[in-house]
N, C-alpha and C. Protein backbone atom coordinates (compact mmCIF):
# COMPACT_ATOMS: atom_id res chain seq x y z
N MET A 1 0.54 -1.07 0.05
CA MET A 1 -0.16 -0.26 -0.28
C MET A 1 0.33 1.10 -0.19
N VAL A 2 2.12 1.27 0.39
CA VAL A 2 2.97 2.13 0.60
C VAL A 2 3.15 2.96 -1.12
N GLY A 3 3.23 3.84 -1.09
CA GLY A 3 3.44 4.65 -2.89
C GLY A 3 1.95 4.76 -3.39
N ASP A 4 1.05 4.29 -2.76
CA ASP A 4 -0.02 4.13 -3.55
C ASP A 4 -0.94 5.29 -3.09
N GLU A 5 -1.88 5.91 -4.27
CA GLU A 5 -2.71 7.26 -4.02
C GLU A 5 -3.69 6.66 -3.02
N VAL A 6 -3.99 7.63 -2.55
CA VAL A 6 -4.70 7.38 -1.25
C VAL A 6 -5.79 8.75 -1.20
N GLU A 7 -7.01 8.66 -1.44
CA GLU A 7 -7.98 9.67 -1.50
C GLU A 7 -8.23 10.52 -0.11
N ALA A 8 -8.24 11.77 -0.22
CA ALA A 8 -7.87 12.49 0.44
C ALA A 8 -9.37 12.75 1.30
N LYS A 9 -9.28 12.66 2.69
CA LYS A 9 -10.41 12.65 3.44
C LYS A 9 -10.06 13.52 4.62
N ILE A 10 -11.18 14.05 5.56
CA ILE A 10 -11.26 14.58 6.86
C ILE A 10 -11.35 13.53 7.34
N VAL A 11 -10.29 13.02 8.21
CA VAL A 11 -10.63 12.50 9.33
C VAL A 11 -9.92 12.24 11.40
N PRO A 12 -10.71 12.35 12.09
CA PRO A 12 -10.11 12.63 13.22
C PRO A 12 -8.93 12.43 13.27
N LEU A 13 -7.98 13.37 14.22
CA LEU A 13 -6.09 12.84 14.81
C LEU A 13 -5.89 11.86 15.30
N ASP A 14 -6.99 10.94 16.00
CA ASP A 14 -6.37 9.49 16.52
C ASP A 14 -7.16 8.72 15.66
N GLU A 15 -7.36 8.75 14.80
CA GLU A 15 -7.75 7.72 14.20
C GLU A 15 -6.72 7.90 12.48
N ALA A 16 -6.45 9.08 12.21
CA ALA A 16 -5.16 9.26 11.56
C ALA A 16 -3.80 9.00 11.97
N LEU A 17 -3.50 9.09 13.33
CA LEU A 17 -2.34 8.96 13.61
C LEU A 17 -2.50 7.07 13.96
N LYS A 18 -3.62 6.34 14.37
CA LYS A 18 -3.91 4.86 14.07
C LYS A 18 -3.54 4.24 12.82
N SER A 19 -3.62 4.65 11.45
CA SER A 19 -3.80 4.07 10.26
C SER A 19 -2.18 4.80 9.66
N ALA A 20 -1.36 5.98 10.59
CA ALA A 20 0.27 5.85 9.93
C ALA A 20 0.75 4.72 11.21
N ASN A 21 0.09 4.77 12.21
CA ASN A 21 1.01 3.21 12.89
C ASN A 21 0.73 2.36 12.08
N ARG A 22 -0.09 1.81 11.56
CA ARG A 22 -0.52 0.51 11.29
C ARG A 22 0.10 0.62 9.75
N LEU A 23 0.21 1.43 8.94
CA LEU A 23 1.55 1.29 7.90
C LEU A 23 2.85 1.59 7.96
N GLY A 24 2.67 2.24 9.07
CA GLY A 24 4.77 2.20 9.13
C GLY A 24 5.06 3.23 9.09
N LEU A 25 4.48 4.62 8.89
CA LEU A 25 4.35 5.88 8.22
C LEU A 25 4.40 7.28 9.61
N ASP A 26 4.41 8.03 8.91
CA ASP A 26 4.47 8.87 9.71
C ASP A 26 3.26 10.04 9.74
N LEU A 27 2.92 10.53 10.27
CA LEU A 27 1.61 11.55 10.50
C LEU A 27 2.39 12.95 10.26
N VAL A 28 2.46 13.73 8.98
CA VAL A 28 3.51 14.79 8.80
C VAL A 28 2.08 16.33 8.91
N GLU A 29 2.50 17.66 9.38
CA GLU A 29 1.53 18.15 9.18
C GLU A 29 2.23 18.90 8.00
N ILE A 30 1.22 19.58 6.90
CA ILE A 30 1.84 19.77 5.75
C ILE A 30 1.40 21.09 6.06
N SER A 31 0.44 21.79 6.66
CA SER A 31 -0.04 22.80 6.34
C SER A 31 -1.18 23.25 8.00
N PRO A 32 -0.26 23.65 8.47
CA PRO A 32 -0.52 23.74 10.04
C PRO A 32 -1.99 24.97 10.13
N ASN A 33 -1.74 26.36 9.28
CA ASN A 33 -2.57 27.36 9.15
C ASN A 33 -3.91 27.00 7.98
N ALA A 34 -4.09 25.91 7.66
CA ALA A 34 -5.45 25.40 7.07
C ALA A 34 -6.23 25.45 7.97
N GLU A 35 -7.87 25.57 7.34
CA GLU A 35 -8.88 25.07 8.33
C GLU A 35 -9.51 24.00 7.80
N PRO A 36 -9.62 22.68 7.98
CA PRO A 36 -8.67 22.15 8.88
C PRO A 36 -7.54 21.92 8.83
N PRO A 37 -6.25 21.45 9.65
CA PRO A 37 -4.84 21.41 9.48
C PRO A 37 -4.78 20.40 8.45
N VAL A 38 -3.88 20.59 7.64
CA VAL A 38 -3.63 18.95 6.42
C VAL A 38 -2.81 18.31 6.82
N CYS A 39 -3.08 17.04 7.12
CA CYS A 39 -1.58 16.45 7.55
C CYS A 39 -2.05 14.93 6.23
N LYS A 40 -0.61 14.81 6.22
CA LYS A 40 -0.30 13.67 5.32
C LYS A 40 0.79 12.18 5.89
N VAL A 41 -0.09 11.06 5.45
CA VAL A 41 0.92 10.18 6.26
C VAL A 41 1.69 9.15 5.16
N ILE A 42 3.16 9.91 5.78
CA ILE A 42 3.90 9.74 4.17
C ILE A 42 5.26 8.99 5.65
N ASP A 43 6.37 8.44 5.03
CA ASP A 43 7.88 8.56 5.42
C ASP A 43 8.66 10.12 5.41
N TYR A 44 8.18 10.78 7.30
CA TYR A 44 8.97 11.80 7.11
C TYR A 44 10.29 12.55 6.45
N LYS A 45 11.35 10.98 6.71
CA LYS A 45 12.68 11.33 6.53
C LYS A 45 12.48 11.36 4.54
N LYS A 46 12.15 10.97 3.90
CA LYS A 46 11.73 11.29 2.68
C LYS A 46 10.64 12.28 2.54
N PHE A 47 9.70 13.18 3.17
CA PHE A 47 9.68 14.72 3.17
C PHE A 47 10.46 15.43 3.41
N ILE A 48 11.53 15.40 4.26
CA ILE A 48 12.29 16.56 4.79
C ILE A 48 13.58 16.31 3.53
N TYR A 49 14.05 15.03 2.67
CA TYR A 49 14.66 15.01 1.69
C TYR A 49 14.54 15.96 0.39
N ASP A 50 13.37 15.69 0.25
CA ASP A 50 12.16 16.35 -1.02
C ASP A 50 12.27 17.69 -0.48
N GLN A 51 11.99 18.04 0.17
CA GLN A 51 11.48 20.04 0.52
C GLN A 51 12.78 20.44 0.44
N LYS A 52 14.40 19.72 1.04
CA LYS A 52 15.35 20.18 0.78
C LYS A 52 15.67 20.25 -0.63
N LYS A 53 15.96 19.11 -1.41
CA LYS A 53 16.10 18.74 -3.29
C LYS A 53 15.29 20.10 -3.68
N LYS A 54 14.99 20.57 -3.27
CA LYS A 54 12.91 21.75 -3.70
C LYS A 54 13.65 22.97 -3.26
N GLN A 55 14.31 23.12 -1.86
CA GLN A 55 15.28 24.32 -1.87
C GLN A 55 15.96 24.81 -2.56
N LYS A 56 17.02 23.32 -2.66
CA LYS A 56 18.06 23.95 -3.42
C LYS A 56 18.09 23.92 -4.82
N ALA A 57 16.83 23.38 -5.30
CA ALA A 57 16.50 23.72 -7.29
C ALA A 57 15.99 25.06 -7.42
N ILE A 58 15.83 25.39 -6.47
CA ILE A 58 15.44 27.32 -5.92
C ILE A 58 16.54 27.65 -5.81
N LYS A 59 17.11 27.57 -5.15
CA LYS A 59 18.14 28.18 -5.07
C LYS A 59 19.24 28.66 -6.05
N SER A 60 19.51 27.24 -7.12
CA SER A 60 20.20 27.24 -7.95
C SER A 60 19.67 27.88 -9.11
N LYS A 61 18.57 28.37 -9.05
CA LYS A 61 17.91 28.98 -10.13
C LYS A 61 17.71 30.46 -9.82
N ALA A 62 17.35 30.94 -8.60
CA ALA A 62 18.15 32.08 -8.19
C ALA A 62 19.04 32.45 -8.96
N GLN A 63 18.91 33.87 -9.69
CA GLN A 63 19.75 35.46 -10.00
C GLN A 63 20.46 35.88 -9.11
N LYS A 64 21.91 35.74 -9.52
CA LYS A 64 22.63 35.80 -8.02
C LYS A 64 23.08 37.54 -8.50
N VAL A 65 23.02 38.88 -7.43
CA VAL A 65 23.27 39.86 -7.75
C VAL A 65 25.17 40.24 -7.91
N VAL A 66 25.59 40.93 -9.07
CA VAL A 66 26.67 41.24 -9.07
C VAL A 66 27.34 42.46 -8.86
N ILE A 67 28.06 42.70 -8.15
CA ILE A 67 27.94 44.49 -7.59
C ILE A 67 29.67 44.84 -7.99
N LYS A 68 29.80 45.54 -8.67
CA LYS A 68 31.55 46.00 -9.19
C LYS A 68 31.37 47.06 -9.09
N GLU A 69 32.64 47.67 -8.63
CA GLU A 69 32.94 48.61 -7.33
C GLU A 69 33.67 50.02 -8.96
N LEU A 70 33.89 50.91 -8.75
CA LEU A 70 34.53 52.26 -9.13
C LEU A 70 34.88 53.24 -8.24
N ARG A 71 35.99 53.40 -8.27
CA ARG A 71 36.87 54.28 -6.95
C ARG A 71 37.55 55.62 -8.09
N PHE A 72 36.83 56.63 -7.27
CA PHE A 72 37.16 57.43 -8.20
C PHE A 72 37.98 58.93 -6.77
N GLY A 73 38.89 59.63 -7.54
CA GLY A 73 39.16 60.64 -5.99
C GLY A 73 38.48 62.04 -6.42
N PRO A 74 38.46 62.74 -5.38
CA PRO A 74 37.53 64.42 -5.67
C PRO A 74 38.09 65.30 -6.61
N ASN A 75 39.42 64.92 -6.85
CA ASN A 75 40.07 65.67 -7.85
C ASN A 75 40.51 64.71 -9.61
N THR A 76 39.36 63.98 -9.84
CA THR A 76 39.90 62.85 -10.99
C THR A 76 39.86 63.48 -12.15
N GLY A 77 40.63 63.05 -12.38
CA GLY A 77 40.67 64.07 -14.38
C GLY A 77 39.97 63.31 -15.31
N GLU A 78 39.98 64.14 -16.22
CA GLU A 78 39.02 64.09 -17.33
C GLU A 78 39.38 62.16 -17.97
N HIS A 79 40.29 61.97 -18.29
CA HIS A 79 40.77 60.84 -19.17
C HIS A 79 40.25 59.98 -17.96
N ASP A 80 40.90 59.58 -16.50
CA ASP A 80 41.04 58.98 -16.05
C ASP A 80 39.31 58.54 -15.66
N PHE A 81 38.52 59.92 -15.81
CA PHE A 81 37.32 59.74 -15.49
C PHE A 81 35.91 58.82 -16.74
N ASN A 82 36.91 59.21 -17.88
CA ASN A 82 36.17 58.59 -19.21
C ASN A 82 36.53 57.37 -19.35
N PHE A 83 37.66 56.63 -18.87
CA PHE A 83 38.18 55.56 -19.05
C PHE A 83 37.25 54.69 -17.97
N LYS A 84 37.38 55.23 -16.56
CA LYS A 84 35.83 54.28 -15.61
C LYS A 84 34.31 54.20 -16.13
N LEU A 85 34.22 55.25 -16.94
CA LEU A 85 32.98 55.39 -17.25
C LEU A 85 32.73 54.23 -18.24
N LYS A 86 33.83 53.91 -19.35
CA LYS A 86 33.87 52.98 -20.23
C LYS A 86 33.98 51.34 -19.64
N HIS A 87 34.24 51.43 -18.36
CA HIS A 87 34.04 50.09 -17.63
C HIS A 87 32.50 50.11 -16.90
N ALA A 88 32.16 51.09 -16.67
CA ALA A 88 31.12 50.97 -15.97
C ALA A 88 30.32 50.82 -17.02
N GLU A 89 30.12 51.03 -18.54
CA GLU A 89 29.02 50.61 -19.11
C GLU A 89 29.43 49.63 -19.64
N LYS A 90 30.83 48.80 -19.20
CA LYS A 90 30.83 47.41 -20.21
C LYS A 90 29.94 46.62 -18.76
N PHE A 91 30.09 46.98 -17.84
CA PHE A 91 29.62 46.17 -16.30
C PHE A 91 27.95 45.99 -16.01
N LEU A 92 27.32 47.45 -16.64
CA LEU A 92 26.14 47.70 -16.59
C LEU A 92 25.28 46.52 -18.16
N GLN A 93 26.22 46.40 -19.17
CA GLN A 93 25.38 45.83 -19.91
C GLN A 93 25.97 44.82 -20.42
N ASP A 94 26.79 43.66 -19.26
CA ASP A 94 26.87 43.02 -18.47
C ASP A 94 25.75 42.42 -17.83
N GLY A 95 24.54 43.16 -17.24
CA GLY A 95 24.31 42.73 -15.93
C GLY A 95 24.33 43.14 -14.47
N ALA A 96 25.64 43.44 -14.66
CA ALA A 96 25.80 43.72 -13.11
C ALA A 96 25.93 45.08 -12.92
N LYS A 97 25.61 45.35 -11.07
CA LYS A 97 25.52 46.81 -10.51
C LYS A 97 26.34 47.40 -10.53
N VAL A 98 26.72 48.34 -10.28
CA VAL A 98 28.02 49.55 -10.48
C VAL A 98 27.72 50.18 -9.46
N LYS A 99 28.77 50.33 -8.59
CA LYS A 99 28.85 50.81 -6.84
C LYS A 99 29.63 52.18 -7.14
N ALA A 100 29.76 53.68 -7.75
CA ALA A 100 31.11 54.30 -7.38
C ALA A 100 30.99 54.74 -6.15
N PHE A 101 32.04 55.31 -6.43
CA PHE A 101 32.23 55.93 -4.98
C PHE A 101 33.50 56.81 -5.09
N VAL A 102 33.40 57.96 -4.70
CA VAL A 102 34.47 58.78 -3.92
C VAL A 102 35.26 58.90 -3.09
N PHE A 103 36.54 58.70 -2.87
CA PHE A 103 37.39 58.10 -1.34
C PHE A 103 38.03 59.87 -1.21
N PHE A 104 37.43 60.30 -0.07
CA PHE A 104 38.33 61.40 0.65
C PHE A 104 39.32 61.21 1.12
N ARG A 105 40.20 61.44 1.42
CA ARG A 105 41.91 61.26 1.92
C ARG A 105 42.11 62.01 2.59
N GLY A 106 42.27 62.03 3.73
CA GLY A 106 42.52 63.29 4.93
C GLY A 106 42.00 64.71 4.66
N ARG A 107 42.81 66.03 4.02
CA ARG A 107 41.78 66.70 3.64
C ARG A 107 40.76 67.28 3.07
N THR A 108 40.70 66.28 2.14
CA THR A 108 40.67 66.61 0.44
C THR A 108 38.65 66.10 1.31
N ILE A 109 38.34 65.94 2.49
CA ILE A 109 36.64 65.79 2.43
C ILE A 109 36.51 67.58 2.49
N ILE A 110 37.34 68.71 2.37
CA ILE A 110 36.85 69.57 2.24
C ILE A 110 35.71 69.64 0.45
N PHE A 111 36.20 68.72 -0.24
CA PHE A 111 36.00 68.59 -1.73
C PHE A 111 34.68 67.96 -1.93
N LYS A 112 33.51 67.80 -0.68
CA LYS A 112 32.30 67.29 -0.72
C LYS A 112 31.77 67.48 -2.35
N GLU A 113 31.46 68.93 -2.47
CA GLU A 113 30.54 69.46 -3.48
C GLU A 113 31.16 68.29 -5.11
N GLN A 114 32.85 69.00 -5.26
CA GLN A 114 33.28 68.21 -6.04
C GLN A 114 33.03 67.05 -6.45
N GLY A 115 33.05 65.85 -5.31
CA GLY A 115 33.04 64.27 -5.64
C GLY A 115 31.18 63.89 -5.77
N GLU A 116 30.42 64.66 -5.16
CA GLU A 116 28.74 64.78 -5.72
C GLU A 116 29.20 64.99 -6.93
N ILE A 117 29.15 66.27 -7.77
CA ILE A 117 29.51 66.24 -8.98
C ILE A 117 29.89 65.68 -9.98
N LEU A 118 30.68 64.73 -9.23
CA LEU A 118 31.94 63.82 -10.20
C LEU A 118 30.52 62.31 -10.52
N LEU A 119 30.18 62.00 -9.29
CA LEU A 119 29.22 61.08 -9.20
C LEU A 119 27.67 61.69 -9.77
N LEU A 120 27.37 62.52 -9.74
CA LEU A 120 26.03 63.01 -10.49
C LEU A 120 26.11 62.89 -12.36
N LYS A 121 27.63 63.43 -12.36
CA LYS A 121 28.28 63.11 -13.87
C LYS A 121 28.24 61.84 -14.67
N LEU A 122 28.35 61.24 -13.76
CA LEU A 122 29.03 60.19 -14.25
C LEU A 122 27.42 59.28 -13.81
N ALA A 123 26.39 59.65 -12.86
CA ALA A 123 24.86 58.70 -13.74
C ALA A 123 24.35 59.56 -14.70
N GLN A 124 24.70 60.59 -15.07
CA GLN A 124 23.94 60.98 -16.57
C GLN A 124 24.45 60.58 -17.69
N ALA A 125 25.96 60.26 -17.17
CA ALA A 125 26.68 59.62 -18.83
C ALA A 125 26.40 58.18 -19.09
N LEU A 126 25.99 57.58 -17.50
CA LEU A 126 24.66 56.18 -17.82
C LEU A 126 23.71 55.84 -17.77
N GLU A 127 23.17 57.11 -18.20
CA GLU A 127 21.38 57.38 -17.90
C GLU A 127 21.22 56.03 -19.19
N LYS A 128 21.60 55.97 -20.12
CA LYS A 128 20.90 54.89 -21.41
C LYS A 128 21.64 53.80 -20.90
N PHE A 129 22.35 52.88 -20.20
CA PHE A 129 22.59 51.84 -19.83
C PHE A 129 22.28 51.65 -18.05
N GLY A 130 21.59 52.34 -17.11
CA GLY A 130 21.29 51.81 -15.95
C GLY A 130 20.52 53.10 -15.59
N VAL A 131 19.78 52.27 -13.93
CA VAL A 131 19.11 53.78 -13.31
C VAL A 131 19.56 53.90 -11.90
N VAL A 132 20.08 54.90 -11.91
CA VAL A 132 20.40 55.54 -10.19
C VAL A 132 19.43 54.55 -9.48
N GLU A 133 20.10 53.76 -8.31
CA GLU A 133 19.03 53.23 -7.38
C GLU A 133 19.24 54.22 -6.32
N SER A 134 20.43 54.68 -5.72
CA SER A 134 20.65 55.37 -4.74
C SER A 134 21.62 56.71 -4.93
N MET A 135 20.77 57.76 -4.89
CA MET A 135 21.64 59.09 -4.69
C MET A 135 22.81 59.15 -4.21
N PRO A 136 23.88 60.13 -4.94
CA PRO A 136 25.18 60.06 -3.87
C PRO A 136 25.24 60.51 -2.06
N LYS A 137 25.56 59.54 -1.29
CA LYS A 137 25.31 59.42 -0.08
C LYS A 137 26.84 59.78 0.78
N LEU A 138 26.58 60.74 1.29
CA LEU A 138 28.28 60.67 2.32
C LEU A 138 28.45 59.53 3.61
N GLU A 139 29.11 58.04 3.29
CA GLU A 139 29.25 57.72 4.55
C GLU A 139 30.71 57.69 4.70
N GLY A 140 30.69 58.07 6.32
CA GLY A 140 32.15 58.52 6.37
C GLY A 140 33.47 59.36 5.72
N LYS A 141 34.59 58.32 4.73
CA LYS A 141 35.06 59.31 4.04
C LYS A 141 34.91 58.90 2.95
N ARG A 142 33.75 58.41 2.39
CA ARG A 142 33.67 57.87 0.88
C ARG A 142 31.93 58.77 0.71
N MET A 143 31.85 58.90 -0.42
CA MET A 143 30.52 59.25 -0.86
C MET A 143 30.43 58.15 -2.04
N ILE A 144 29.12 57.14 -2.08
CA ILE A 144 28.58 56.21 -2.49
C ILE A 144 27.21 56.42 -3.82
N MET A 145 27.40 55.37 -4.70
CA MET A 145 26.25 55.82 -5.31
C MET A 145 26.11 54.63 -5.92
N LEU A 146 24.73 53.58 -6.13
CA LEU A 146 24.35 52.53 -6.89
C LEU A 146 23.65 53.22 -8.19
N ILE A 147 24.18 52.53 -9.19
CA ILE A 147 23.68 52.19 -10.39
C ILE A 147 23.20 50.56 -10.69
N ALA A 148 22.23 50.91 -11.34
CA ALA A 148 21.59 49.35 -11.41
C ALA A 148 21.36 49.35 -13.27
N PRO A 149 21.49 48.36 -13.58
CA PRO A 149 21.21 47.77 -15.01
C PRO A 149 20.08 48.34 -15.58
N LYS A 150 19.49 48.92 -17.04
CA LYS A 150 18.32 49.10 -17.04
C LYS A 150 17.85 47.68 -17.41
N LYS A 151 16.82 47.05 -17.30
CA LYS A 151 15.58 45.75 -17.90
C LYS A 151 15.87 45.74 -19.52
N LYS A 152 15.80 44.76 -19.68
CA LYS A 152 15.96 44.39 -21.02
C LYS A 152 14.90 43.66 -21.82
């Protein structure tokens, strides 16, 4: 009888436990929030194994988010900016998020406005490849901005 399809029916708990014991299987609560709670007479070890297998399959199909970082200084030159801009375009086209940040060393913290202008200029240049996820904000000695790729 093990493995045979059994018709679903509503039975009292003690009767379900007796039939599970008679078959040498376990009474497993599948959906406790349902009214009445849903239980099955199955092999519990196999049930757990199948659940883990399903979770693993779901996890393997999940899309992993890749974040690439670009580091700028507050006084980054035009050539360096364009060089890093090309890399950012490639990252966004490949489907990765870009985390651009301006790192302030020592007294360069007085150039906060220049750093923000630099990041906004980057965002404007990457407008057709990505969408700004978070605007530039200062966190300690870094001003950070996230850009996500546009959906295809």
